C-alpha atoms as a PDB file:
ATOM      1  CA  MET A   1      -0.009   0.042  -0.315  1.00  0.00           C
ATOM      2  CA  ASN A   2       1.148   3.375  -1.081  1.00  0.00           C
ATOM      3  CA  GLN A   3       1.179   5.973   1.762  1.00  0.00           C
ATOM      4  CA  LYS A   4       0.800   9.796   0.660  1.00  0.00           C
ATOM      5  CA  PRO A   5       0.466  12.403   2.572  1.00  0.00           C
ATOM      6  CA  ALA A   6      -2.780  14.278   1.432  1.00  0.00           C
ATOM      7  CA  LYS A   7      -4.693  18.063   1.746  1.00  0.00           C
ATOM      8  CA  PHE A   8      -8.003  18.810   1.784  1.00  0.00           C
ATOM      9  CA  LEU A   9     -10.259  21.689   1.600  1.00  0.00           C
ATOM     10  CA  VAL A  10     -12.998  22.051   3.867  1.00  0.00           C
ATOM     11  CA  VAL A  11     -15.444  25.008   3.490  1.00  0.00           C
ATOM     12  CA  TYR A  12     -17.791  26.130   6.327  1.00  0.00           C
ATOM     13  CA  SER A  13     -21.479  27.736   5.378  1.00  0.00           C
ATOM     14  CA  PRO A  14     -22.382  30.131   7.052  1.00  0.00           C
ATOM     15  CA  ALA A  15     -19.023  31.318   8.469  1.00  0.00           C
ATOM     16  CA  GLY A  16     -18.338  30.753  12.198  1.00  0.00           C
ATOM     17  CA  PHE A  17     -18.304  27.435  12.546  1.00  0.00           C
ATOM     18  CA  GLU A  18     -14.366  27.258  11.814  1.00  0.00           C
ATOM     19  CA  LYS A  19     -14.406  28.244  15.584  1.00  0.00           C
ATOM     20  CA  PHE A  20     -15.975  25.566  16.915  1.00  0.00           C
ATOM     21  CA  PHE A  21     -12.478  23.706  16.323  1.00  0.00           C
ATOM     22  CA  ASP A  22     -10.822  26.865  18.193  1.00  0.00           C
ATOM     23  CA  GLU A  23     -12.738  26.088  21.175  1.00  0.00           C
ATOM     24  CA  ALA A  24     -12.392  22.586  21.023  1.00  0.00           C
ATOM     25  CA  ALA A  25      -9.163  23.115  21.295  1.00  0.00           C
ATOM     26  CA  ASP A  26      -9.298  24.954  24.237  1.00  0.00           C
ATOM     27  CA  LEU A  27     -11.555  22.123  26.332  1.00  0.00           C
ATOM     28  CA  ASP A  28      -8.111  20.966  28.518  1.00  0.00           C
ATOM     29  CA  VAL A  29     -10.444  18.564  30.037  1.00  0.00           C
ATOM     30  CA  THR A  30      -7.966  15.173  30.955  1.00  0.00           C
ATOM     31  CA  ASP A  31     -11.179  12.616  31.782  1.00  0.00           C
ATOM     32  CA  THR A  32     -13.277  11.498  29.152  1.00  0.00           C
ATOM     33  CA  GLU A  33     -16.552  11.685  31.224  1.00  0.00           C
ATOM     34  CA  THR A  34     -15.743  15.329  31.410  1.00  0.00           C
ATOM     35  CA  TYR A  35     -14.389  15.995  27.936  1.00  0.00           C
ATOM     36  CA  VAL A  36     -17.956  14.201  26.399  1.00  0.00           C
ATOM     37  CA  ALA A  37     -20.166  16.800  28.407  1.00  0.00           C
ATOM     38  CA  LYS A  38     -17.892  19.916  27.070  1.00  0.00           C
ATOM     39  CA  ALA A  39     -17.980  18.721  23.899  1.00  0.00           C
ATOM     40  CA  GLU A  40     -21.641  18.239  23.142  1.00  0.00           C
ATOM     41  CA  ALA A  41     -22.175  22.013  25.009  1.00  0.00           C
ATOM     42  CA  LEU A  42     -19.956  22.992  22.217  1.00  0.00           C
ATOM     43  CA  ALA A  43     -21.603  21.470  19.808  1.00  0.00           C
ATOM     44  CA  LYS A  44     -24.929  22.812  20.285  1.00  0.00           C
ATOM     45  CA  LYS A  45     -23.663  25.923  20.626  1.00  0.00           C
ATOM     46  CA  TYR A  46     -22.483  25.710  16.866  1.00  0.00           C
ATOM     47  CA  ASN A  47     -25.769  23.541  16.040  1.00  0.00           C
ATOM     48  CA  MET A  48     -23.490  21.044  14.844  1.00  0.00           C
ATOM     49  CA  GLN A  49     -25.654  17.520  15.713  1.00  0.00           C
ATOM     50  CA  VAL A  50     -22.903  14.032  16.365  1.00  0.00           C
ATOM     51  CA  VAL A  51     -24.551  11.022  14.757  1.00  0.00           C
ATOM     52  CA  GLY A  52     -23.848   7.388  15.421  1.00  0.00           C
ATOM     53  CA  PRO A  53     -22.103   5.170  17.831  1.00  0.00           C
ATOM     54  CA  PRO A  54     -18.730   6.370  19.795  1.00  0.00           C
ATOM     55  CA  LEU A  55     -15.567   5.262  18.107  1.00  0.00           C
ATOM     56  CA  GLU A  56     -14.522   1.935  20.072  1.00  0.00           C
ATOM     57  CA  GLY A  57     -10.961   1.964  20.641  1.00  0.00           C
END
């Protein structure tokens, strides 16, 4: 398998959702339960709906 770095362009419309990522990077929590609660509140703030089951890892 040939693996190479990739670039991709993401466009958010209307503008403003990119601020979600700035705030998500600053959540500053270490335990999963607290992170999930804060991330869900942040998603709601930006009208984002998370769908699907949680990833297993």
